[in-house]
Amino acid sequence: MKKFLVFVLLLIPVVILLALSITGGIIKSVTIVEVKELMVIDEFDKPFNHKAIYTLDLIGQDALKIMVLVTPAITYDKTIIFECVEGEEYDGQVRVEKIEGTEAQYNIFAVLPGLCKLKIYAANNIEANAYIDFYITSNILQSLNIFYNNQKLDEGDTVLCKAEMS
């Protein structure tokens, strides 16, 4: 009888812990925790200034490394979406790639020169967002327009003129 009582006394805490663990797992799987805030930091652990314009070079520059921190940390869906804002003043473009083997680190590459506003937001809450402005520079000549007597010359046009340096 004593052995049975000792066994029951030892079994009660195990059953209680098991019940609490199962209940916690059920609550965890049923409860949805939305992302409340995104914080974007650079590779030196400094937050990005949302009022600043960051310069990227189209040629010869490595990728800009960023980390996107999601709060609260217990959020289960930490999917982050990146998109370039469309508009007349935004003619530049960037490409974002996730760094393999990391949870929240990304590389940003310049694609097209010009101004680009990158919107970063959480998949389960579009209200939790951040913006980064980029000015993408390039040493490549994208287009050339030549005018003579206030008329644009097209491909194949020929004009005899005198060149002057000023």
N, C-alpha and C. Protein backbone atom coordinates (compact mmCIF):
# COMPACT_ATOMS: atom_id res chain seq x y z
N MET A 1 0.82 -1.19 0.00
CA MET A 1 0.00 0.00 0.00
C MET A 1 0.87 1.26 0.00
N LYS A 2 1.96 1.21 0.77
CA LYS A 2 2.85 2.37 0.81
C LYS A 2 3.45 2.65 -0.57
N LYS A 3 3.83 1.61 -1.26
CA LYS A 3 4.42 1.77 -2.59
C LYS A 3 3.41 2.41 -3.55
N PHE A 4 2.17 2.00 -3.44
CA PHE A 4 1.13 2.56 -4.30
C PHE A 4 0.94 4.04 -4.01
N LEU A 5 0.91 4.44 -2.74
CA LEU A 5 0.75 5.86 -2.37
C LEU A 5 1.94 6.69 -2.85
N VAL A 6 3.13 6.16 -2.72
CA VAL A 6 4.32 6.88 -3.20
C VAL A 6 4.25 7.04 -4.72
N PHE A 7 3.84 5.97 -5.40
CA PHE A 7 3.71 6.04 -6.86
C PHE A 7 2.68 7.09 -7.27
N VAL A 8 1.54 7.14 -6.60
CA VAL A 8 0.49 8.12 -6.92
C VAL A 8 0.99 9.53 -6.62
N LEU A 9 1.69 9.72 -5.52
CA LEU A 9 2.21 11.04 -5.17
C LEU A 9 3.26 11.52 -6.19
N LEU A 10 4.03 10.61 -6.73
CA LEU A 10 5.00 10.99 -7.76
C LEU A 10 4.34 11.17 -9.13
N LEU A 11 3.27 10.47 -9.35
CA LEU A 11 2.60 10.55 -10.64
C LEU A 11 1.76 11.83 -10.79
N ILE A 12 1.23 12.35 -9.71
CA ILE A 12 0.39 13.55 -9.76
C ILE A 12 1.14 14.75 -10.37
N PRO A 13 2.36 15.11 -9.94
CA PRO A 13 3.06 16.25 -10.57
C PRO A 13 3.35 16.02 -12.06
N VAL A 14 3.63 14.78 -12.43
CA VAL A 14 3.90 14.47 -13.83
C VAL A 14 2.64 14.70 -14.66
N VAL A 15 1.50 14.26 -14.18
CA VAL A 15 0.23 14.45 -14.89
C VAL A 15 -0.11 15.93 -14.99
N ILE A 16 0.12 16.68 -13.92
CA ILE A 16 -0.16 18.13 -13.94
C ILE A 16 0.73 18.84 -14.96
N LEU A 17 2.03 18.53 -14.95
CA LEU A 17 2.94 19.15 -15.93
C LEU A 17 2.57 18.77 -17.36
N LEU A 18 2.20 17.53 -17.57
CA LEU A 18 1.79 17.09 -18.90
C LEU A 18 0.53 17.81 -19.36
N ALA A 19 -0.43 17.98 -18.47
CA ALA A 19 -1.67 18.68 -18.81
C ALA A 19 -1.40 20.15 -19.12
N LEU A 20 -0.55 20.80 -18.33
CA LEU A 20 -0.19 22.20 -18.59
C LEU A 20 0.54 22.35 -19.93
N SER A 21 1.42 21.42 -20.23
CA SER A 21 2.17 21.48 -21.49
C SER A 21 1.23 21.31 -22.68
N ILE A 22 0.31 20.37 -22.61
CA ILE A 22 -0.63 20.16 -23.72
C ILE A 22 -1.55 21.37 -23.87
N THR A 23 -2.02 21.91 -22.75
CA THR A 23 -2.89 23.10 -22.80
C THR A 23 -2.15 24.29 -23.40
N GLY A 24 -0.90 24.48 -23.02
CA GLY A 24 -0.10 25.57 -23.59
C GLY A 24 0.10 25.41 -25.08
N GLY A 25 0.32 24.19 -25.53
CA GLY A 25 0.47 23.94 -26.97
C GLY A 25 -0.79 24.23 -27.74
N ILE A 26 -1.94 23.87 -27.16
CA ILE A 26 -3.21 24.15 -27.82
C ILE A 26 -3.45 25.65 -27.90
N ILE A 27 -3.21 26.35 -26.80
CA ILE A 27 -3.40 27.81 -26.79
C ILE A 27 -2.44 28.48 -27.78
N LYS A 28 -1.22 28.00 -27.84
CA LYS A 28 -0.23 28.56 -28.75
C LYS A 28 -0.64 28.39 -30.22
N SER A 29 -1.20 27.24 -30.55
CA SER A 29 -1.57 27.00 -31.95
C SER A 29 -2.85 27.73 -32.34
N VAL A 30 -3.72 28.02 -31.39
CA VAL A 30 -5.00 28.68 -31.71
C VAL A 30 -4.86 30.20 -31.72
N THR A 31 -4.02 30.75 -30.85
CA THR A 31 -3.89 32.20 -30.71
C THR A 31 -3.06 32.76 -31.85
N ILE A 32 -3.56 33.84 -32.49
CA ILE A 32 -2.85 34.52 -33.56
C ILE A 32 -2.26 35.81 -32.99
N VAL A 33 -0.96 35.95 -33.10
CA VAL A 33 -0.27 37.15 -32.63
C VAL A 33 0.21 37.91 -33.86
N GLU A 34 -0.33 39.12 -34.06
CA GLU A 34 0.05 39.93 -35.21
C GLU A 34 1.35 40.68 -34.95
N VAL A 35 2.02 41.01 -36.03
CA VAL A 35 3.21 41.86 -35.94
C VAL A 35 2.75 43.27 -35.59
N LYS A 36 3.35 43.87 -34.60
CA LYS A 36 2.98 45.23 -34.19
C LYS A 36 3.91 46.28 -34.78
N GLU A 37 5.18 45.93 -34.94
CA GLU A 37 6.16 46.92 -35.38
C GLU A 37 7.31 46.24 -36.11
N LEU A 38 7.85 46.94 -37.10
CA LEU A 38 9.06 46.50 -37.79
C LEU A 38 10.17 47.50 -37.52
N MET A 39 11.35 46.98 -37.28
CA MET A 39 12.51 47.86 -37.09
C MET A 39 13.58 47.41 -38.08
N VAL A 40 14.04 48.33 -38.90
CA VAL A 40 15.04 48.01 -39.92
C VAL A 40 16.38 48.57 -39.45
N ILE A 41 17.37 47.69 -39.34
CA ILE A 41 18.71 48.12 -38.91
C ILE A 41 19.73 47.70 -39.97
N ASP A 42 20.85 48.41 -39.99
CA ASP A 42 21.89 48.09 -40.97
C ASP A 42 22.84 47.05 -40.39
N GLU A 43 23.88 46.74 -41.14
CA GLU A 43 24.82 45.70 -40.72
C GLU A 43 25.64 46.11 -39.49
N PHE A 44 25.61 47.39 -39.13
CA PHE A 44 26.34 47.87 -37.96
C PHE A 44 25.41 48.07 -36.76
N ASP A 45 24.21 47.49 -36.81
CA ASP A 45 23.19 47.55 -35.76
C ASP A 45 22.68 48.96 -35.49
N LYS A 46 22.69 49.79 -36.51
CA LYS A 46 22.13 51.15 -36.38
C LYS A 46 20.80 51.19 -37.14
N PRO A 47 19.75 51.76 -36.52
CA PRO A 47 18.46 51.83 -37.22
C PRO A 47 18.51 52.79 -38.40
N PHE A 48 17.75 52.47 -39.44
CA PHE A 48 17.65 53.34 -40.60
C PHE A 48 16.81 54.56 -40.26
N ASN A 49 17.26 55.72 -40.72
CA ASN A 49 16.52 56.96 -40.54
C ASN A 49 15.49 57.05 -41.66
N HIS A 50 14.20 57.08 -41.32
CA HIS A 50 13.16 57.08 -42.35
C HIS A 50 13.09 58.39 -43.13
N LYS A 51 13.79 59.43 -42.67
CA LYS A 51 13.78 60.71 -43.39
C LYS A 51 15.01 60.88 -44.29
N ALA A 52 15.98 59.98 -44.17
CA ALA A 52 17.21 60.09 -44.95
C ALA A 52 17.06 59.39 -46.30
N ILE A 53 17.91 59.78 -47.25
CA ILE A 53 17.97 59.12 -48.54
C ILE A 53 19.34 58.45 -48.64
N TYR A 54 19.33 57.15 -48.83
CA TYR A 54 20.56 56.37 -48.89
C TYR A 54 20.97 56.18 -50.34
N THR A 55 22.27 56.28 -50.60
CA THR A 55 22.79 56.19 -51.97
C THR A 55 23.30 54.79 -52.24
N LEU A 56 22.88 54.24 -53.36
CA LEU A 56 23.39 52.96 -53.87
C LEU A 56 23.98 53.22 -55.24
N ASP A 57 25.06 52.51 -55.57
CA ASP A 57 25.66 52.64 -56.90
C ASP A 57 25.30 51.41 -57.71
N LEU A 58 24.89 51.63 -58.94
CA LEU A 58 24.47 50.54 -59.80
C LEU A 58 25.64 49.64 -60.18
N ILE A 59 26.82 50.21 -60.27
CA ILE A 59 27.99 49.45 -60.70
C ILE A 59 29.03 49.42 -59.58
N GLY A 60 29.57 48.26 -59.34
CA GLY A 60 30.73 48.14 -58.47
C GLY A 60 30.46 48.20 -56.98
N GLN A 61 29.22 48.30 -56.56
CA GLN A 61 28.96 48.35 -55.13
C GLN A 61 28.36 47.02 -54.68
N ASP A 62 28.84 46.56 -53.54
CA ASP A 62 28.25 45.36 -52.98
C ASP A 62 26.84 45.67 -52.50
N ALA A 63 26.14 44.65 -52.13
CA ALA A 63 24.76 44.81 -51.66
C ALA A 63 24.75 45.51 -50.30
N LEU A 64 23.67 46.23 -50.05
CA LEU A 64 23.43 46.83 -48.74
C LEU A 64 22.77 45.77 -47.88
N LYS A 65 23.35 45.49 -46.73
CA LYS A 65 22.81 44.46 -45.85
C LYS A 65 21.92 45.10 -44.79
N ILE A 66 20.72 44.54 -44.62
CA ILE A 66 19.81 45.03 -43.61
C ILE A 66 19.27 43.85 -42.80
N MET A 67 18.75 44.18 -41.62
CA MET A 67 18.06 43.20 -40.79
C MET A 67 16.71 43.79 -40.43
N VAL A 68 15.66 43.00 -40.55
CA VAL A 68 14.31 43.45 -40.21
C VAL A 68 13.89 42.72 -38.94
N LEU A 69 13.73 43.48 -37.86
CA LEU A 69 13.31 42.90 -36.59
C LEU A 69 11.81 43.07 -36.42
N VAL A 70 11.15 42.00 -36.01
CA VAL A 70 9.71 41.97 -35.84
C VAL A 70 9.38 41.93 -34.36
N THR A 71 8.44 42.79 -33.94
CA THR A 71 7.96 42.73 -32.56
C THR A 71 6.45 42.57 -32.59
N PRO A 72 5.89 41.81 -31.70
CA PRO A 72 6.51 41.05 -30.62
C PRO A 72 7.24 39.81 -31.15
N ALA A 73 8.21 39.36 -30.39
CA ALA A 73 9.05 38.24 -30.83
C ALA A 73 8.28 36.92 -30.88
N ILE A 74 7.13 36.83 -30.21
CA ILE A 74 6.37 35.57 -30.20
C ILE A 74 5.47 35.43 -31.43
N THR A 75 5.54 36.35 -32.36
CA THR A 75 4.77 36.26 -33.60
C THR A 75 5.22 35.02 -34.36
N TYR A 76 4.26 34.23 -34.83
CA TYR A 76 4.60 32.98 -35.50
C TYR A 76 4.85 33.18 -36.99
N ASP A 77 4.11 34.07 -37.62
CA ASP A 77 4.31 34.35 -39.04
C ASP A 77 5.15 35.62 -39.16
N LYS A 78 6.44 35.45 -39.40
CA LYS A 78 7.35 36.59 -39.51
C LYS A 78 7.71 36.88 -40.97
N THR A 79 6.78 36.59 -41.87
CA THR A 79 7.00 36.82 -43.30
C THR A 79 7.02 38.33 -43.58
N ILE A 80 8.07 38.77 -44.26
CA ILE A 80 8.26 40.18 -44.60
C ILE A 80 8.14 40.33 -46.11
N ILE A 81 7.41 41.38 -46.55
CA ILE A 81 7.23 41.65 -47.96
C ILE A 81 7.91 42.98 -48.31
N PHE A 82 8.64 42.99 -49.41
CA PHE A 82 9.34 44.17 -49.91
C PHE A 82 8.74 44.55 -51.25
N GLU A 83 8.45 45.84 -51.44
CA GLU A 83 8.01 46.29 -52.76
C GLU A 83 8.43 47.74 -52.97
N CYS A 84 8.78 48.05 -54.22
CA CYS A 84 9.12 49.43 -54.58
C CYS A 84 7.84 50.20 -54.82
N VAL A 85 7.75 51.38 -54.22
CA VAL A 85 6.57 52.23 -54.39
C VAL A 85 6.59 52.78 -55.80
N GLU A 86 5.44 52.73 -56.46
CA GLU A 86 5.32 53.22 -57.83
C GLU A 86 4.92 54.69 -57.81
N GLY A 87 5.41 55.44 -58.78
CA GLY A 87 5.06 56.84 -58.91
C GLY A 87 5.98 57.52 -59.90
N GLU A 88 5.58 58.71 -60.35
CA GLU A 88 6.39 59.43 -61.34
C GLU A 88 7.77 59.78 -60.81
N GLU A 89 7.83 60.16 -59.53
CA GLU A 89 9.12 60.58 -58.98
C GLU A 89 10.03 59.41 -58.65
N TYR A 90 9.48 58.19 -58.63
CA TYR A 90 10.27 57.01 -58.30
C TYR A 90 10.53 56.19 -59.55
N ASP A 91 11.68 56.44 -60.19
CA ASP A 91 12.01 55.71 -61.40
C ASP A 91 13.11 54.68 -61.17
N GLY A 92 13.71 54.66 -59.99
CA GLY A 92 14.72 53.68 -59.66
C GLY A 92 14.09 52.38 -59.19
N GLN A 93 14.92 51.36 -59.06
CA GLN A 93 14.41 50.07 -58.61
C GLN A 93 15.51 49.32 -57.89
N VAL A 94 15.12 48.59 -56.84
CA VAL A 94 16.05 47.74 -56.11
C VAL A 94 15.50 46.32 -56.08
N ARG A 95 16.39 45.38 -55.81
CA ARG A 95 16.02 43.97 -55.66
C ARG A 95 16.45 43.53 -54.27
N VAL A 96 15.59 42.80 -53.58
CA VAL A 96 15.88 42.34 -52.22
C VAL A 96 15.97 40.82 -52.23
N GLU A 97 17.05 40.31 -51.63
CA GLU A 97 17.24 38.86 -51.52
C GLU A 97 17.52 38.50 -50.08
N LYS A 98 16.88 37.44 -49.61
CA LYS A 98 17.11 36.96 -48.25
C LYS A 98 18.47 36.26 -48.19
N ILE A 99 19.22 36.52 -47.14
CA ILE A 99 20.51 35.87 -46.95
C ILE A 99 20.26 34.46 -46.43
N GLU A 100 20.77 33.47 -47.14
CA GLU A 100 20.54 32.07 -46.77
C GLU A 100 21.09 31.77 -45.39
N GLY A 101 20.34 30.99 -44.64
CA GLY A 101 20.77 30.57 -43.31
C GLY A 101 20.48 31.58 -42.21
N THR A 102 19.81 32.67 -42.54
CA THR A 102 19.45 33.67 -41.53
C THR A 102 17.94 33.81 -41.47
N GLU A 103 17.47 34.33 -40.36
CA GLU A 103 16.03 34.48 -40.21
C GLU A 103 15.52 35.82 -40.72
N ALA A 104 16.30 36.88 -40.52
CA ALA A 104 15.78 38.21 -40.82
C ALA A 104 16.79 39.12 -41.51
N GLN A 105 17.77 38.57 -42.21
CA GLN A 105 18.78 39.39 -42.87
C GLN A 105 18.58 39.33 -44.39
N TYR A 106 18.75 40.51 -45.01
CA TYR A 106 18.49 40.64 -46.43
C TYR A 106 19.59 41.47 -47.09
N ASN A 107 19.81 41.23 -48.40
CA ASN A 107 20.69 42.04 -49.23
C ASN A 107 19.83 42.87 -50.16
N ILE A 108 20.19 44.15 -50.32
CA ILE A 108 19.49 45.03 -51.25
C ILE A 108 20.46 45.39 -52.38
N PHE A 109 20.03 45.11 -53.62
CA PHE A 109 20.84 45.38 -54.80
C PHE A 109 20.17 46.45 -55.65
N ALA A 110 20.96 47.35 -56.23
CA ALA A 110 20.44 48.36 -57.15
C ALA A 110 20.16 47.69 -58.49
N VAL A 111 19.02 48.05 -59.11
CA VAL A 111 18.64 47.49 -60.40
C VAL A 111 18.57 48.57 -61.47
N LEU A 112 17.82 49.65 -61.18
CA LEU A 112 17.69 50.77 -62.12
C LEU A 112 18.06 52.07 -61.42
N PRO A 113 18.76 52.98 -62.11
CA PRO A 113 19.14 54.24 -61.47
C PRO A 113 17.94 55.17 -61.27
N GLY A 114 18.04 56.01 -60.25
CA GLY A 114 17.00 56.99 -59.95
C GLY A 114 16.58 56.89 -58.50
N LEU A 115 15.47 57.54 -58.18
CA LEU A 115 14.92 57.49 -56.82
C LEU A 115 14.07 56.24 -56.66
N CYS A 116 14.16 55.63 -55.48
CA CYS A 116 13.36 54.44 -55.19
C CYS A 116 12.93 54.49 -53.73
N LYS A 117 11.66 54.28 -53.48
CA LYS A 117 11.15 54.17 -52.11
C LYS A 117 10.76 52.71 -51.91
N LEU A 118 11.45 52.05 -50.98
CA LEU A 118 11.21 50.65 -50.69
C LEU A 118 10.27 50.54 -49.50
N LYS A 119 9.14 49.89 -49.70
CA LYS A 119 8.17 49.66 -48.62
C LYS A 119 8.40 48.26 -48.07
N ILE A 120 8.54 48.18 -46.75
CA ILE A 120 8.75 46.92 -46.07
C ILE A 120 7.58 46.73 -45.12
N TYR A 121 6.86 45.61 -45.24
CA TYR A 121 5.74 45.39 -44.34
C TYR A 121 5.56 43.90 -44.04
N ALA A 122 4.84 43.65 -42.94
CA ALA A 122 4.59 42.28 -42.51
C ALA A 122 3.43 41.70 -43.29
N ALA A 123 3.50 40.41 -43.59
CA ALA A 123 2.45 39.76 -44.38
C ALA A 123 1.14 39.68 -43.61
N ASN A 124 1.19 39.55 -42.29
CA ASN A 124 -0.06 39.41 -41.55
C ASN A 124 -0.58 40.72 -40.96
N ASN A 125 0.12 41.84 -41.21
CA ASN A 125 -0.36 43.14 -40.74
C ASN A 125 0.31 44.23 -41.58
N ILE A 126 -0.40 44.74 -42.59
CA ILE A 126 0.21 45.75 -43.47
C ILE A 126 0.38 47.09 -42.78
N GLU A 127 -0.23 47.25 -41.60
CA GLU A 127 -0.05 48.48 -40.84
C GLU A 127 1.34 48.55 -40.21
N ALA A 128 1.95 47.42 -39.98
CA ALA A 128 3.32 47.38 -39.46
C ALA A 128 4.26 47.48 -40.66
N ASN A 129 4.76 48.69 -40.92
CA ASN A 129 5.58 48.88 -42.11
C ASN A 129 6.71 49.86 -41.85
N ALA A 130 7.63 49.90 -42.79
CA ALA A 130 8.75 50.83 -42.75
C ALA A 130 9.09 51.19 -44.20
N TYR A 131 9.69 52.36 -44.37
CA TYR A 131 10.09 52.82 -45.70
C TYR A 131 11.56 53.20 -45.67
N ILE A 132 12.25 52.90 -46.78
CA ILE A 132 13.63 53.34 -46.97
C ILE A 132 13.71 54.00 -48.34
N ASP A 133 14.28 55.20 -48.41
CA ASP A 133 14.45 55.92 -49.67
C ASP A 133 15.88 55.72 -50.17
N PHE A 134 16.00 55.40 -51.45
CA PHE A 134 17.30 55.20 -52.07
C PHE A 134 17.45 56.13 -53.26
N TYR A 135 18.68 56.63 -53.44
CA TYR A 135 19.04 57.33 -54.67
C TYR A 135 20.10 56.45 -55.33
N ILE A 136 19.75 55.87 -56.46
CA ILE A 136 20.62 54.92 -57.13
C ILE A 136 21.36 55.66 -58.25
N THR A 137 22.68 55.66 -58.16
CA THR A 137 23.52 56.36 -59.14
C THR A 137 24.11 55.35 -60.12
N SER A 138 24.56 55.88 -61.26
CA SER A 138 25.14 55.02 -62.28
C SER A 138 26.14 55.83 -63.09
N ASN A 139 27.21 55.18 -63.50
CA ASN A 139 28.19 55.81 -64.39
C ASN A 139 27.95 55.41 -65.84
N ILE A 140 26.89 54.66 -66.08
CA ILE A 140 26.56 54.23 -67.44
C ILE A 140 25.62 55.25 -68.06
N LEU A 141 25.89 55.60 -69.30
CA LEU A 141 25.02 56.51 -70.04
C LEU A 141 23.77 55.74 -70.44
N GLN A 142 22.63 56.17 -69.91
CA GLN A 142 21.36 55.48 -70.17
C GLN A 142 20.73 55.94 -71.48
N SER A 143 20.79 57.24 -71.77
CA SER A 143 20.23 57.76 -73.02
C SER A 143 20.95 59.05 -73.39
N LEU A 144 20.87 59.40 -74.66
CA LEU A 144 21.51 60.61 -75.14
C LEU A 144 20.59 61.26 -76.17
N ASN A 145 20.24 62.50 -75.94
CA ASN A 145 19.42 63.27 -76.88
C ASN A 145 20.25 64.42 -77.42
N ILE A 146 20.28 64.56 -78.73
CA ILE A 146 21.03 65.63 -79.38
C ILE A 146 20.04 66.55 -80.08
N PHE A 147 20.19 67.85 -79.82
CA PHE A 147 19.32 68.84 -80.44
C PHE A 147 20.17 69.77 -81.31
N TYR A 148 19.63 70.14 -82.47
CA TYR A 148 20.29 71.08 -83.37
C TYR A 148 19.19 72.02 -83.89
N ASN A 149 19.39 73.31 -83.66
CA ASN A 149 18.39 74.33 -84.01
C ASN A 149 17.02 73.99 -83.41
N ASN A 150 17.04 73.65 -82.15
CA ASN A 150 15.82 73.34 -81.38
C ASN A 150 15.03 72.16 -81.93
N GLN A 151 15.68 71.29 -82.66
CA GLN A 151 15.03 70.07 -83.14
C GLN A 151 15.85 68.86 -82.69
N LYS A 152 15.13 67.85 -82.23
CA LYS A 152 15.81 66.64 -81.79
C LYS A 152 16.24 65.82 -82.99
N LEU A 153 17.49 65.38 -82.97
CA LEU A 153 18.00 64.54 -84.04
C LEU A 153 17.71 63.08 -83.71
N ASP A 154 17.26 62.35 -84.70
CA ASP A 154 16.97 60.93 -84.53
C ASP A 154 18.11 60.11 -85.10
N GLU A 155 18.06 58.83 -84.85
CA GLU A 155 19.08 57.93 -85.36
C GLU A 155 19.09 57.97 -86.87
N GLY A 156 20.25 58.14 -87.46
CA GLY A 156 20.38 58.20 -88.90
C GLY A 156 20.42 59.62 -89.46
N ASP A 157 20.03 60.64 -88.67
CA ASP A 157 20.10 62.03 -89.14
C ASP A 157 21.55 62.48 -89.19
N THR A 158 21.87 63.30 -90.16
CA THR A 158 23.21 63.86 -90.26
C THR A 158 23.11 65.38 -90.30
N VAL A 159 24.06 66.01 -89.63
CA VAL A 159 24.12 67.47 -89.59
C VAL A 159 25.58 67.87 -89.61
N LEU A 160 25.89 68.88 -90.39
CA LEU A 160 27.24 69.42 -90.41
C LEU A 160 27.25 70.64 -89.50
N CYS A 161 28.05 70.60 -88.45
CA CYS A 161 28.08 71.72 -87.52
C CYS A 161 29.49 71.90 -86.99
N LYS A 162 29.72 73.04 -86.37
CA LYS A 162 31.01 73.38 -85.83
C LYS A 162 31.00 73.11 -84.31
N ALA A 163 31.96 72.37 -83.84
CA ALA A 163 32.03 72.04 -82.41
C ALA A 163 32.80 73.13 -81.69
N GLU A 164 32.27 73.58 -80.58
CA GLU A 164 32.93 74.57 -79.74
C GLU A 164 32.95 74.08 -78.31
N MET A 165 34.04 74.30 -77.64
CA MET A 165 34.15 73.95 -76.21
C MET A 165 34.02 75.23 -75.40
N SER A 166 33.21 75.18 -74.39
CA SER A 166 33.09 76.38 -73.54
C SER A 166 33.40 76.05 -72.10
